Amino acid sequence: MDDDIVFRGEGPCDVFLRRARKVAFEKGKHKDGDWMAGYVSTCFEGEALKWYEGLDEDVQDDWKQLRTALLERFPPVSGHPPQPGLDPSSSSIPLSCVPTAPAAPQAGSLESQPVTWIHGKVPTSPPTSPGAALIGPAPPAPAAAPPPAPSLPSTPGDARPSAPFRGRLAVISDSPGKGGYVGKSRAEGFYNVTEDPNQALRVEYTPRGSGQPVDFRLLDSLPEGDFDRLGVVWHNEKPIVAALSTEYALCVAVRGPASERNVSCKTGFLYPVHRGPVDTTVWSLSLDGSVYPVWKTDDRNYYPLQTAVFSQRLVFVPDWKAYREEVISTLWSNFVDKARLVLEPI
């Protein structure tokens, strides 16, 4: 069996864990937790590697904690069908994969009750902790034929238009009690986190081709004018977007083409120190509803950014571990927490 398996964090981790355990079993190492933790650490690439490098060392070195963290961050999605050109034993699922509805349940059973089936079964309220499950109950199928699921980003060959999807962005913090939603209100033009779901910012997007980032259109008007997109602005004019970078970007409203730099933070006194590049087509979505920004680097590749909350302000960073160590050296170390975004339907 090929020992060189790869997990990029583009989908559920259950297939990856099964293959890793099979490799360990064939080598007689399936009872050796240290070996398993070390072996699995060599399999990460892309978003999964960024996530892994942000874990505490005691989690990285403990196989039980590591596999639990994997299942919480990349939970299994039941019912995803094989896609054309996808090896069933592959450890990653493309964004174009949409779960199908299961067979109709027996009448009168709990499963026959109506449930919401939107965007890969995203829950209707944020989990109270980062370990809470993000997968809701499977939707029932009607007697005749199951309705099509609202699509995730469509495949490049699908020319049919997709209906816009509306939602609000839940902020799931690694520190219990510090999450909430991306709020409508902003401080100095930057979006903050609110605990009140009624004050959550509402956004809308139209799916694009498989794996392509999308624009989030704002559904809540701003007093400053006709800002219509949710975007990010970098602190430095020439940010280094790479591993070990301590750069950061903030969440803003944007008017018109990003190149015109019409951003909501211009109205605040902090704008002069946040004059870096701006973009709006940066939002990438995972099957479990997770949202994270990606930044197009000079080599035309997309680099995934990690989410943090700094004193209620939403922050995006290339390397959470490096950024946190930079903050720890200041007096603000108790005000920053790692987090992630989840798009909830409205």
C-alpha atoms as a PDB file:
ATOM      1  CA  MET A   1       0.000   0.000   0.000  1.00  0.00           C
ATOM      2  CA  ASP A   2       1.224   3.507  -0.850  1.00  0.00           C
ATOM      3  CA  ASP A   3       2.306   5.197   2.388  1.00  0.00           C
ATOM      4  CA  ASP A   4       2.379   8.678   0.794  1.00  0.00           C
ATOM      5  CA  ILE A   5      -1.185   9.788   1.525  1.00  0.00           C
ATOM      6  CA  VAL A   6      -2.094  13.471   1.559  1.00  0.00           C
ATOM      7  CA  PHE A   7      -4.769  15.480   3.372  1.00  0.00           C
ATOM      8  CA  ARG A   8      -5.277  19.087   2.233  1.00  0.00           C
ATOM      9  CA  GLY A   9      -8.250  20.036   4.405  1.00  0.00           C
ATOM     10  CA  GLU A  10     -10.566  20.432   1.405  1.00  0.00           C
ATOM     11  CA  GLY A  11     -13.201  18.102   2.822  1.00  0.00           C
ATOM     12  CA  PRO A  12     -13.997  15.594   5.589  1.00  0.00           C
ATOM     13  CA  CYS A  13     -11.138  13.739   7.256  1.00  0.00           C
ATOM     14  CA  ASP A  14     -12.748  10.330   7.827  1.00  0.00           C
ATOM     15  CA  VAL A  15     -11.314   8.719   4.677  1.00  0.00           C
ATOM     16  CA  PHE A  16      -7.891  10.139   5.463  1.00  0.00           C
ATOM     17  CA  LEU A  17      -7.958   8.760   9.026  1.00  0.00           C
ATOM     18  CA  ARG A  18      -9.000   5.319   7.776  1.00  0.00           C
ATOM     19  CA  ARG A  19      -6.139   5.210   5.283  1.00  0.00           C
ATOM     20  CA  ALA A  20      -3.611   6.415   7.868  1.00  0.00           C
ATOM     21  CA  ARG A  21      -4.724   3.717  10.295  1.00  0.00           C
ATOM     22  CA  LYS A  22      -4.502   1.081   7.579  1.00  0.00           C
ATOM     23  CA  VAL A  23      -0.897   2.081   6.855  1.00  0.00           C
ATOM     24  CA  ALA A  24      -0.117   1.880  10.577  1.00  0.00           C
ATOM     25  CA  PHE A  25      -1.820  -1.516  10.892  1.00  0.00           C
ATOM     26  CA  GLU A  26       0.176  -2.975   8.017  1.00  0.00           C
ATOM     27  CA  LYS A  27       3.378  -1.796   9.717  1.00  0.00           C
ATOM     28  CA  GLY A  28       2.312  -3.058  13.129  1.00  0.00           C
ATOM     29  CA  LYS A  29       2.225   0.520  14.460  1.00  0.00           C
ATOM     30  CA  HIS A  30      -1.519   0.959  15.006  1.00  0.00           C
ATOM     31  CA  LYS A  31      -1.076   0.782  18.809  1.00  0.00           C
ATOM     32  CA  ASP A  32       1.855   3.213  18.807  1.00  0.00           C
ATOM     33  CA  GLY A  33       0.372   6.668  19.429  1.00  0.00           C
ATOM     34  CA  ASP A  34       3.682   8.500  19.043  1.00  0.00           C
ATOM     35  CA  TRP A  35       4.301   6.858  15.673  1.00  0.00           C
ATOM     36  CA  MET A  36       0.757   7.635  14.497  1.00  0.00           C
ATOM     37  CA  ALA A  37       1.008  11.314  15.488  1.00  0.00           C
ATOM     38  CA  GLY A  38       4.374  11.648  13.767  1.00  0.00           C
ATOM     39  CA  TYR A  39       3.268   9.828  10.621  1.00  0.00           C
ATOM     40  CA  VAL A  40       0.033  11.811  10.222  1.00  0.00           C
ATOM     41  CA  SER A  41       1.963  15.079  10.626  1.00  0.00           C
ATOM     42  CA  THR A  42       3.805  14.268   7.375  1.00  0.00           C
ATOM     43  CA  CYS A  43       0.552  13.962   5.405  1.00  0.00           C
ATOM     44  CA  PHE A  44      -0.743  17.548   5.669  1.00  0.00           C
ATOM     45  CA  GLU A  45      -0.695  20.087   2.843  1.00  0.00           C
ATOM     46  CA  GLY A  46      -2.437  23.387   2.109  1.00  0.00           C
ATOM     47  CA  GLU A  47      -5.181  24.458   4.531  1.00  0.00           C
ATOM     48  CA  ALA A  48      -4.735  21.311   6.632  1.00  0.00           C
ATOM     49  CA  LEU A  49      -1.040  22.086   7.130  1.00  0.00           C
ATOM     50  CA  LYS A  50      -1.869  25.680   8.156  1.00  0.00           C
ATOM     51  CA  TRP A  51      -4.407  24.351  10.646  1.00  0.00           C
ATOM     52  CA  TYR A  52      -1.976  21.747  12.012  1.00  0.00           C
ATOM     53  CA  GLU A  53       0.816  24.286  12.510  1.00  0.00           C
ATOM     54  CA  GLY A  54      -1.571  26.384  14.602  1.00  0.00           C
ATOM     55  CA  LEU A  55      -2.216  23.571  17.090  1.00  0.00           C
ATOM     56  CA  ASP A  56      -0.536  23.437  20.468  1.00  0.00           C
ATOM     57  CA  GLU A  57       2.421  21.064  20.625  1.00  0.00           C
ATOM     58  CA  ASP A  58       0.710  18.815  23.170  1.00  0.00           C
ATOM     59  CA  VAL A  59      -2.110  18.246  20.652  1.00  0.00           C
ATOM     60  CA  GLN A  60       0.315  17.679  17.772  1.00  0.00           C
ATOM     61  CA  ASP A  61       2.232  15.063  19.773  1.00  0.00           C
ATOM     62  CA  ASP A  62      -0.775  13.209  21.237  1.00  0.00           C
ATOM     63  CA  TRP A  63      -2.500  10.931  18.714  1.00  0.00           C
ATOM     64  CA  LYS A  64      -5.783  10.807  20.641  1.00  0.00           C
ATOM     65  CA  GLN A  65      -6.003  14.598  20.887  1.00  0.00           C
ATOM     66  CA  LEU A  66      -4.861  15.051  17.287  1.00  0.00           C
ATOM     67  CA  ARG A  67      -7.472  12.746  15.759  1.00  0.00           C
ATOM     68  CA  THR A  68     -10.175  14.331  17.928  1.00  0.00           C
ATOM     69  CA  ALA A  69      -9.099  17.778  16.717  1.00  0.00           C
ATOM     70  CA  LEU A  70      -9.154  16.555  13.102  1.00  0.00           C
ATOM     71  CA  LEU A  71     -12.701  15.232  13.435  1.00  0.00           C
ATOM     72  CA  GLU A  72     -13.859  18.502  15.010  1.00  0.00           C
ATOM     73  CA  ARG A  73     -12.226  20.733  12.383  1.00  0.00           C
ATOM     74  CA  PHE A  74     -12.956  18.532   9.331  1.00  0.00           C
ATOM     75  CA  PRO A  75     -16.054  16.552  10.374  1.00  0.00           C
ATOM     76  CA  PRO A  76     -17.394  13.688   8.245  1.00  0.00           C
ATOM     77  CA  VAL A  77     -20.234  14.598   5.895  1.00  0.00           C
ATOM     78  CA  SER A  78     -22.704  11.748   5.468  1.00  0.00           C
ATOM     79  CA  GLY A  79     -24.093  10.920   2.075  1.00  0.00           C
ATOM     80  CA  HIS A  80     -21.514  12.554  -0.228  1.00  0.00           C
ATOM     81  CA  PRO A  81     -21.506  10.664  -3.570  1.00  0.00           C
ATOM     82  CA  PRO A  82     -18.392   9.784  -5.591  1.00  0.00           C
ATOM     83  CA  GLN A  83     -17.601  12.534  -8.085  1.00  0.00           C
ATOM     84  CA  PRO A  84     -16.411  11.963 -11.679  1.00  0.00           C
ATOM     85  CA  GLY A  85     -12.653  11.681 -11.733  1.00  0.00           C
ATOM     86  CA  LEU A  86     -12.405  11.349  -7.931  1.00  0.00           C
ATOM     87  CA  ASP A  87     -10.665   8.301  -6.493  1.00  0.00           C
ATOM     88  CA  PRO A  88     -13.079   6.886  -3.849  1.00  0.00           C
ATOM     89  CA  SER A  89     -10.065   6.295  -1.582  1.00  0.00           C
ATOM     90  CA  SER A  90      -8.943   9.923  -1.865  1.00  0.00           C
ATOM     91  CA  SER A  91      -8.692  11.870   1.369  1.00  0.00           C
ATOM     92  CA  SER A  92     -10.101  15.132  -0.005  1.00  0.00           C
ATOM     93  CA  ILE A  93     -13.468  16.088  -1.506  1.00  0.00           C
ATOM     94  CA  PRO A  94     -13.776  18.983  -4.022  1.00  0.00           C
ATOM     95  CA  LEU A  95     -15.976  21.960  -3.255  1.00  0.00           C
ATOM     96  CA  SER A  96     -18.325  20.954  -6.066  1.00  0.00           C
ATOM     97  CA  CYS A  97     -19.385  17.857  -4.102  1.00  0.00           C
ATOM     98  CA  VAL A  98     -22.952  18.292  -2.800  1.00  0.00           C
ATOM     99  CA  PRO A  99     -24.509  15.753  -0.408  1.00  0.00           C
ATOM    100  CA  THR A 100     -27.508  13.897  -1.833  1.00  0.00           C
ATOM    101  CA  ALA A 101     -30.745  13.285   0.004  1.00  0.00           C
ATOM    102  CA  PRO A 102     -31.161   9.816   1.572  1.00  0.00           C
ATOM    103  CA  ALA A 103     -34.063   7.485   0.869  1.00  0.00           C
ATOM    104  CA  ALA A 104     -37.420   8.587   2.235  1.00  0.00           C
ATOM    105  CA  PRO A 105     -37.899   7.457   5.886  1.00  0.00           C
ATOM    106  CA  GLN A 106     -40.901   5.580   7.189  1.00  0.00           C
ATOM    107  CA  ALA A 107     -43.958   7.706   7.848  1.00  0.00           C
ATOM    108  CA  GLY A 108     -44.276   8.789  11.449  1.00  0.00           C
ATOM    109  CA  SER A 109     -40.592   8.409  12.244  1.00  0.00           C
ATOM    110  CA  LEU A 110     -38.571  11.280  13.664  1.00  0.00           C
ATOM    111  CA  GLU A 111     -36.579  11.412  10.439  1.00  0.00           C
ATOM    112  CA  SER A 112     -39.759  12.129   8.480  1.00  0.00           C
ATOM    113  CA  GLN A 113     -40.172  15.537  10.139  1.00  0.00           C
ATOM    114  CA  PRO A 114     -39.238  18.583   8.011  1.00  0.00           C
ATOM    115  CA  VAL A 115     -35.740  19.912   8.516  1.00  0.00           C
ATOM    116  CA  THR A 116     -33.742  22.700   6.928  1.00  0.00           C
ATOM    117  CA  TRP A 117     -31.396  21.505   4.187  1.00  0.00           C
ATOM    118  CA  ILE A 118     -29.256  24.406   3.093  1.00  0.00           C
ATOM    119  CA  HIS A 119     -25.605  24.616   2.106  1.00  0.00           C
ATOM    120  CA  GLY A 120     -24.472  21.170   3.096  1.00  0.00           C
ATOM    121  CA  LYS A 121     -26.633  20.924   6.246  1.00  0.00           C
ATOM    122  CA  VAL A 122     -25.279  23.970   8.102  1.00  0.00           C
ATOM    123  CA  PRO A 123     -26.854  24.417  11.574  1.00  0.00           C
ATOM    124  CA  THR A 124     -29.252  27.292  12.209  1.00  0.00           C
ATOM    125  CA  SER A 125     -27.346  28.567  15.254  1.00  0.00           C
ATOM    126  CA  PRO A 126     -23.621  28.655  16.035  1.00  0.00           C
ATOM    127  CA  PRO A 127     -22.108  25.896  18.177  1.00  0.00           C
ATOM    128  CA  THR A 128     -21.277  27.005  21.711  1.00  0.00           C
ATOM    129  CA  SER A 129     -17.754  25.637  21.421  1.00  0.00           C
ATOM    130  CA  PRO A 130     -15.332  24.854  18.580  1.00  0.00           C
ATOM    131  CA  GLY A 131     -15.879  21.153  19.239  1.00  0.00           C
ATOM    132  CA  ALA A 132     -19.624  21.260  18.634  1.00  0.00           C
ATOM    133  CA  ALA A 133     -20.835  19.336  15.610  1.00  0.00           C
ATOM    134  CA  LEU A 134     -21.548  21.355  12.471  1.00  0.00           C
ATOM    135  CA  ILE A 135     -23.510  18.651  10.697  1.00  0.00           C
ATOM    136  CA  GLY A 136     -27.287  18.671  11.085  1.00  0.00           C
ATOM    137  CA  PRO A 137     -29.718  15.761  10.546  1.00  0.00           C
ATOM    138  CA  ALA A 138     -30.054  14.385   7.024  1.00  0.00           C
ATOM    139  CA  PRO A 139     -32.990  15.848   5.032  1.00  0.00           C
ATOM    140  CA  PRO A 140     -35.940  13.679   4.010  1.00  0.00           C
ATOM    141  CA  ALA A 141     -36.760  13.012   0.370  1.00  0.00           C
ATOM    142  CA  PRO A 142     -40.294  13.580  -1.003  1.00  0.00           C
ATOM    143  CA  ALA A 143     -42.327  10.650  -2.226  1.00  0.00           C
ATOM    144  CA  ALA A 144     -41.741  11.367  -5.915  1.00  0.00           C
ATOM    145  CA  ALA A 145     -38.190  12.590  -6.382  1.00  0.00           C
ATOM    146  CA  PRO A 146     -35.845  14.429  -4.019  1.00  0.00           C
ATOM    147  CA  PRO A 147     -35.477  18.148  -4.699  1.00  0.00           C
ATOM    148  CA  PRO A 148     -32.038  19.367  -5.751  1.00  0.00           C
ATOM    149  CA  ALA A 149     -29.907  20.621  -2.880  1.00  0.00           C
ATOM    150  CA  PRO A 150     -28.997  24.317  -2.946  1.00  0.00           C
ATOM    151  CA  SER A 151     -25.684  24.214  -4.717  1.00  0.00           C
ATOM    152  CA  LEU A 152     -22.267  24.846  -3.397  1.00  0.00           C
ATOM    153  CA  PRO A 153     -19.990  26.430  -5.995  1.00  0.00           C
ATOM    154  CA  SER A 154     -20.912  24.795  -9.296  1.00  0.00           C
ATOM    155  CA  THR A 155     -18.528  22.837 -11.460  1.00  0.00           C
ATOM    156  CA  PRO A 156     -16.768  24.758 -14.253  1.00  0.00           C
ATOM    157  CA  GLY A 157     -18.734  22.858 -16.890  1.00  0.00           C
ATOM    158  CA  ASP A 158     -22.120  23.788 -15.451  1.00  0.00           C
ATOM    159  CA  ALA A 159     -23.390  26.818 -17.379  1.00  0.00           C
ATOM    160  CA  ARG A 160     -26.706  27.036 -15.536  1.00  0.00           C
ATOM    161  CA  PRO A 161     -27.047  30.065 -13.230  1.00  0.00           C
ATOM    162  CA  SER A 162     -27.151  29.309  -9.498  1.00  0.00           C
ATOM    163  CA  ALA A 163     -29.552  31.060  -7.146  1.00  0.00           C
ATOM    164  CA  PRO A 164     -28.019  33.517  -4.659  1.00  0.00           C
ATOM    165  CA  PHE A 165     -27.516  32.205  -1.134  1.00  0.00           C
ATOM    166  CA  ARG A 166     -28.131  34.429   1.893  1.00  0.00           C
ATOM    167  CA  GLY A 167     -26.710  34.019   5.361  1.00  0.00           C
ATOM    168  CA  ARG A 168     -24.941  35.505   8.339  1.00  0.00           C
ATOM    169  CA  LEU A 169     -21.391  34.776   9.503  1.00  0.00           C
ATOM    170  CA  ALA A 170     -21.072  33.025  12.853  1.00  0.00           C
ATOM    171  CA  VAL A 171     -17.734  33.436  14.649  1.00  0.00           C
ATOM    172  CA  ILE A 172     -16.669  30.224  16.412  1.00  0.00           C
ATOM    173  CA  SER A 173     -13.916  31.081  18.885  1.00  0.00           C
ATOM    174  CA  ASP A 174     -11.417  28.631  20.343  1.00  0.00           C
ATOM    175  CA  SER A 175     -12.120  30.294  23.698  1.00  0.00           C
ATOM    176  CA  PRO A 176     -15.594  29.411  25.049  1.00  0.00           C
ATOM    177  CA  GLY A 177     -17.916  32.370  25.423  1.00  0.00           C
ATOM    178  CA  LYS A 178     -15.986  34.652  23.065  1.00  0.00           C
ATOM    179  CA  GLY A 179     -17.748  33.844  19.801  1.00  0.00           C
ATOM    180  CA  GLY A 180     -20.803  35.367  18.188  1.00  0.00           C
ATOM    181  CA  TYR A 181     -21.426  36.874  14.763  1.00  0.00           C
ATOM    182  CA  VAL A 182     -19.833  39.359  12.416  1.00  0.00           C
ATOM    183  CA  GLY A 183     -21.876  42.385  13.410  1.00  0.00           C
ATOM    184  CA  LYS A 184     -23.479  45.171  11.402  1.00  0.00           C
ATOM    185  CA  SER A 185     -21.743  47.826  13.475  1.00  0.00           C
ATOM    186  CA  ARG A 186     -18.120  48.744  12.897  1.00  0.00           C
ATOM    187  CA  ALA A 187     -15.446  50.573  14.849  1.00  0.00           C
ATOM    188  CA  GLU A 188     -13.414  53.001  12.731  1.00  0.00           C
ATOM    189  CA  GLY A 189     -14.794  51.283   9.637  1.00  0.00           C
ATOM    190  CA  PHE A 190     -13.736  47.741  10.605  1.00  0.00           C
ATOM    191  CA  TYR A 191     -16.180  44.925  11.336  1.00  0.00           C
ATOM    192  CA  ASN A 192     -16.405  43.622  14.903  1.00  0.00           C
ATOM    193  CA  VAL A 193     -17.940  40.582  16.598  1.00  0.00           C
ATOM    194  CA  THR A 194     -21.353  40.816  18.278  1.00  0.00           C
ATOM    195  CA  GLU A 195     -23.100  38.334  20.577  1.00  0.00           C
ATOM    196  CA  ASP A 196     -26.553  39.452  19.405  1.00  0.00           C
ATOM    197  CA  PRO A 197     -27.785  37.429  16.395  1.00  0.00           C
ATOM    198  CA  ASN A 198     -30.237  40.240  15.602  1.00  0.00           C
ATOM    199  CA  GLN A 199     -27.260  42.549  15.032  1.00  0.00           C
ATOM    200  CA  ALA A 200     -25.471  40.091  12.738  1.00  0.00           C
ATOM    201  CA  LEU A 201     -24.377  41.322   9.321  1.00  0.00           C
ATOM    202  CA  ARG A 202     -26.325  39.702   6.474  1.00  0.00           C
ATOM    203  CA  VAL A 203     -24.571  38.759   3.250  1.00  0.00           C
ATOM    204  CA  GLU A 204     -25.444  37.179  -0.085  1.00  0.00           C
ATOM    205  CA  TYR A 205     -23.342  35.360  -2.667  1.00  0.00           C
ATOM    206  CA  THR A 206     -23.804  33.539  -5.967  1.00  0.00           C
ATOM    207  CA  PRO A 207     -21.818  30.294  -6.377  1.00  0.00           C
ATOM    208  CA  ARG A 208     -19.047  30.297  -8.982  1.00  0.00           C
ATOM    209  CA  GLY A 209     -16.924  27.551 -10.504  1.00  0.00           C
ATOM    210  CA  SER A 210     -15.579  24.756  -8.331  1.00  0.00           C
ATOM    211  CA  GLY A 211     -12.956  25.956  -5.877  1.00  0.00           C
ATOM    212  CA  GLN A 212     -13.228  29.627  -6.887  1.00  0.00           C
ATOM    213  CA  PRO A 213     -13.623  32.277  -4.158  1.00  0.00           C
ATOM    214  CA  VAL A 214     -16.801  34.358  -4.164  1.00  0.00           C
ATOM    215  CA  ASP A 215     -17.933  37.905  -3.379  1.00  0.00           C
ATOM    216  CA  PHE A 216     -20.138  38.528  -0.342  1.00  0.00           C
ATOM    217  CA  ARG A 217     -22.676  41.248  -1.152  1.00  0.00           C
ATOM    218  CA  LEU A 218     -23.856  43.298   1.826  1.00  0.00           C
ATOM    219  CA  LEU A 219     -27.587  43.193   2.563  1.00  0.00           C
ATOM    220  CA  ASP A 220     -27.413  45.856   5.289  1.00  0.00           C
ATOM    221  CA  SER A 221     -26.985  49.474   4.211  1.00  0.00           C
ATOM    222  CA  LEU A 222     -24.225  51.592   5.715  1.00  0.00           C
ATOM    223  CA  PRO A 223     -24.631  55.207   6.842  1.00  0.00           C
ATOM    224  CA  GLU A 224     -21.422  56.190   5.016  1.00  0.00           C
ATOM    225  CA  GLY A 225     -22.814  55.397   1.577  1.00  0.00           C
ATOM    226  CA  ASP A 226     -23.287  52.702  -1.024  1.00  0.00           C
ATOM    227  CA  PHE A 227     -20.712  50.152   0.135  1.00  0.00           C
ATOM    228  CA  ASP A 228     -21.824  46.872  -1.392  1.00  0.00           C
ATOM    229  CA  ARG A 229     -19.133  44.207  -0.784  1.00  0.00           C
ATOM    230  CA  LEU A 230     -17.448  42.562   2.190  1.00  0.00           C
ATOM    231  CA  GLY A 231     -13.692  42.628   1.802  1.00  0.00           C
ATOM    232  CA  VAL A 232     -10.332  42.634   3.537  1.00  0.00           C
ATOM    233  CA  VAL A 233      -7.673  45.348   3.783  1.00  0.00           C
ATOM    234  CA  TRP A 234      -4.069  44.684   4.790  1.00  0.00           C
ATOM    235  CA  HIS A 235      -2.235  46.655   7.442  1.00  0.00           C
ATOM    236  CA  ASN A 236       0.954  46.999   5.374  1.00  0.00           C
ATOM    237  CA  GLU A 237       1.141  48.286   1.806  1.00  0.00           C
ATOM    238  CA  LYS A 238       3.215  45.270   0.705  1.00  0.00           C
ATOM    239  CA  PRO A 239       2.204  42.419   3.010  1.00  0.00           C
ATOM    240  CA  ILE A 240       4.151  39.161   3.081  1.00  0.00           C
ATOM    241  CA  VAL A 241       1.483  36.478   2.698  1.00  0.00           C
ATOM    242  CA  ALA A 242       3.330  33.282   3.598  1.00  0.00           C
ATOM    243  CA  ALA A 243       4.101  30.911   6.449  1.00  0.00           C
ATOM    244  CA  LEU A 244       5.788  32.516   9.485  1.00  0.00           C
ATOM    245  CA  SER A 245       4.455  35.947   8.461  1.00  0.00           C
ATOM    246  CA  THR A 246       3.112  38.189  11.241  1.00  0.00           C
ATOM    247  CA  GLU A 247       1.075  40.337   8.820  1.00  0.00           C
ATOM    248  CA  TYR A 248      -2.644  40.817   9.345  1.00  0.00           C
ATOM    249  CA  ALA A 249      -5.707  42.089   7.485  1.00  0.00           C
ATOM    250  CA  LEU A 250      -9.019  43.469   8.738  1.00  0.00           C
ATOM    251  CA  CYS A 251     -12.604  43.041   7.553  1.00  0.00           C
ATOM    252  CA  VAL A 252     -14.162  46.087   5.847  1.00  0.00           C
ATOM    253  CA  ALA A 253     -16.962  47.172   3.548  1.00  0.00           C
ATOM    254  CA  VAL A 254     -15.890  48.023  -0.003  1.00  0.00           C
ATOM    255  CA  ARG A 255     -17.512  50.221  -2.648  1.00  0.00           C
ATOM    256  CA  GLY A 256     -16.878  49.525  -6.330  1.00  0.00           C
ATOM    257  CA  PRO A 257     -13.731  47.887  -7.724  1.00  0.00           C
ATOM    258  CA  ALA A 258     -11.270  46.950  -5.010  1.00  0.00           C
ATOM    259  CA  SER A 259      -8.494  48.704  -6.923  1.00  0.00           C
ATOM    260  CA  GLU A 260     -10.201  52.052  -6.231  1.00  0.00           C
ATOM    261  CA  ARG A 261      -9.627  51.487  -2.495  1.00  0.00           C
ATOM    262  CA  ASN A 262     -13.067  52.803  -1.540  1.00  0.00           C
ATOM    263  CA  VAL A 263     -13.204  51.105   1.841  1.00  0.00           C
ATOM    264  CA  SER A 264     -15.298  51.888   4.904  1.00  0.00           C
ATOM    265  CA  CYS A 265     -12.253  52.299   7.160  1.00  0.00           C
ATOM    266  CA  LYS A 266     -11.421  55.567   5.360  1.00  0.00           C
ATOM    267  CA  THR A 267     -13.933  57.192   7.689  1.00  0.00           C
ATOM    268  CA  GLY A 268     -11.875  56.350  10.785  1.00  0.00           C
ATOM    269  CA  PHE A 269      -8.670  57.746  12.215  1.00  0.00           C
ATOM    270  CA  LEU A 270      -7.046  54.283  12.019  1.00  0.00           C
ATOM    271  CA  TYR A 271      -7.145  54.227   8.207  1.00  0.00           C
ATOM    272  CA  PRO A 272      -3.714  55.851   7.692  1.00  0.00           C
ATOM    273  CA  VAL A 273      -2.096  52.795   9.311  1.00  0.00           C
ATOM    274  CA  HIS A 274      -4.177  50.308   7.307  1.00  0.00           C
ATOM    275  CA  ARG A 275      -3.465  51.291   3.708  1.00  0.00           C
ATOM    276  CA  GLY A 276      -2.544  47.893   2.279  1.00  0.00           C
ATOM    277  CA  PRO A 277      -4.106  46.025  -0.672  1.00  0.00           C
ATOM    278  CA  VAL A 278      -7.878  45.512  -0.731  1.00  0.00           C
ATOM    279  CA  ASP A 279      -9.921  42.721  -2.303  1.00  0.00           C
ATOM    280  CA  THR A 280     -13.455  41.352  -2.140  1.00  0.00           C
ATOM    281  CA  THR A 281     -13.355  38.143  -4.203  1.00  0.00           C
ATOM    282  CA  VAL A 282     -11.624  36.318  -1.389  1.00  0.00           C
ATOM    283  CA  TRP A 283     -14.239  34.181   0.364  1.00  0.00           C
ATOM    284  CA  SER A 284     -13.858  30.405   0.110  1.00  0.00           C
ATOM    285  CA  LEU A 285     -16.431  27.949   1.463  1.00  0.00           C
ATOM    286  CA  SER A 286     -16.016  24.376   2.722  1.00  0.00           C
ATOM    287  CA  LEU A 287     -18.573  21.572   2.715  1.00  0.00           C
ATOM    288  CA  ASP A 288     -19.274  21.993   6.429  1.00  0.00           C
ATOM    289  CA  GLY A 289     -20.178  25.673   5.945  1.00  0.00           C
ATOM    290  CA  SER A 290     -16.818  27.022   7.136  1.00  0.00           C
ATOM    291  CA  VAL A 291     -15.724  30.266   5.483  1.00  0.00           C
ATOM    292  CA  TYR A 292     -12.172  31.531   5.194  1.00  0.00           C
ATOM    293  CA  PRO A 293     -10.570  34.227   3.040  1.00  0.00           C
ATOM    294  CA  VAL A 294      -7.917  33.346   0.478  1.00  0.00           C
ATOM    295  CA  TRP A 295      -5.430  35.836  -0.942  1.00  0.00           C
ATOM    296  CA  LYS A 296      -4.054  35.737  -4.482  1.00  0.00           C
ATOM    297  CA  THR A 297      -0.280  35.948  -4.144  1.00  0.00           C
ATOM    298  CA  ASP A 298       2.255  37.227  -6.662  1.00  0.00           C
ATOM    299  CA  ASP A 299       2.638  33.733  -8.124  1.00  0.00           C
ATOM    300  CA  ARG A 300      -1.132  33.755  -8.858  1.00  0.00           C
ATOM    301  CA  ASN A 301      -1.871  31.099  -6.261  1.00  0.00           C
ATOM    302  CA  TYR A 302      -4.462  31.437  -3.504  1.00  0.00           C
ATOM    303  CA  TYR A 303      -3.093  31.466   0.041  1.00  0.00           C
ATOM    304  CA  PRO A 304      -5.615  30.553   2.792  1.00  0.00           C
ATOM    305  CA  LEU A 305      -5.841  33.003   5.684  1.00  0.00           C
ATOM    306  CA  GLN A 306      -6.715  32.089   9.251  1.00  0.00           C
ATOM    307  CA  THR A 307      -9.298  33.911  11.354  1.00  0.00           C
ATOM    308  CA  ALA A 308      -8.726  35.514  14.744  1.00  0.00           C
ATOM    309  CA  VAL A 309     -10.565  37.915  17.035  1.00  0.00           C
ATOM    310  CA  PHE A 310      -8.492  40.752  18.497  1.00  0.00           C
ATOM    311  CA  SER A 311     -10.436  42.618  21.171  1.00  0.00           C
ATOM    312  CA  GLN A 312     -13.757  41.947  19.350  1.00  0.00           C
ATOM    313  CA  ARG A 313     -12.266  42.953  15.994  1.00  0.00           C
ATOM    314  CA  LEU A 314     -12.151  40.408  13.161  1.00  0.00           C
ATOM    315  CA  VAL A 315      -8.592  39.730  11.969  1.00  0.00           C
ATOM    316  CA  PHE A 316      -7.210  37.538   9.156  1.00  0.00           C
ATOM    317  CA  VAL A 317      -3.623  36.266   9.253  1.00  0.00           C
ATOM    318  CA  PRO A 318      -1.372  34.068   7.060  1.00  0.00           C
ATOM    319  CA  ASP A 319       0.109  32.270  10.085  1.00  0.00           C
ATOM    320  CA  TRP A 320      -1.833  32.193  13.354  1.00  0.00           C
ATOM    321  CA  LYS A 321       1.051  30.820  15.401  1.00  0.00           C
ATOM    322  CA  ALA A 322       3.482  33.506  14.220  1.00  0.00           C
ATOM    323  CA  TYR A 323       0.880  36.258  14.662  1.00  0.00           C
ATOM    324  CA  ARG A 324       0.006  35.101  18.183  1.00  0.00           C
ATOM    325  CA  GLU A 325       3.660  35.007  19.227  1.00  0.00           C
ATOM    326  CA  GLU A 326       4.007  38.559  17.919  1.00  0.00           C
ATOM    327  CA  VAL A 327       0.969  39.676  19.946  1.00  0.00           C
ATOM    328  CA  ILE A 328       2.196  37.857  23.069  1.00  0.00           C
ATOM    329  CA  SER A 329       5.249  40.119  23.037  1.00  0.00           C
ATOM    330  CA  THR A 330       2.907  43.083  23.610  1.00  0.00           C
ATOM    331  CA  LEU A 331       0.493  43.958  26.397  1.00  0.00           C
ATOM    332  CA  TRP A 332      -2.445  42.680  24.320  1.00  0.00           C
ATOM    333  CA  SER A 333      -1.835  38.926  24.574  1.00  0.00           C
ATOM    334  CA  ASN A 334      -5.049  38.321  26.563  1.00  0.00           C
ATOM    335  CA  PHE A 335      -7.187  39.977  23.896  1.00  0.00           C
ATOM    336  CA  VAL A 336      -6.541  37.693  20.901  1.00  0.00           C
ATOM    337  CA  ASP A 337      -8.188  34.329  20.188  1.00  0.00           C
ATOM    338  CA  LYS A 338      -8.149  31.970  17.259  1.00  0.00           C
ATOM    339  CA  ALA A 339     -11.529  31.524  15.572  1.00  0.00           C
ATOM    340  CA  ARG A 340     -13.268  30.454  12.396  1.00  0.00           C
ATOM    341  CA  LEU A 341     -16.295  31.599  10.407  1.00  0.00           C
ATOM    342  CA  VAL A 342     -19.394  29.561   9.572  1.00  0.00           C
ATOM    343  CA  LEU A 343     -22.051  30.734   7.105  1.00  0.00           C
ATOM    344  CA  GLU A 344     -25.549  30.240   8.531  1.00  0.00           C
ATOM    345  CA  PRO A 345     -28.637  30.391   6.304  1.00  0.00           C
ATOM    346  CA  ILE A 346     -31.250  33.077   6.934  1.00  0.00           C
END
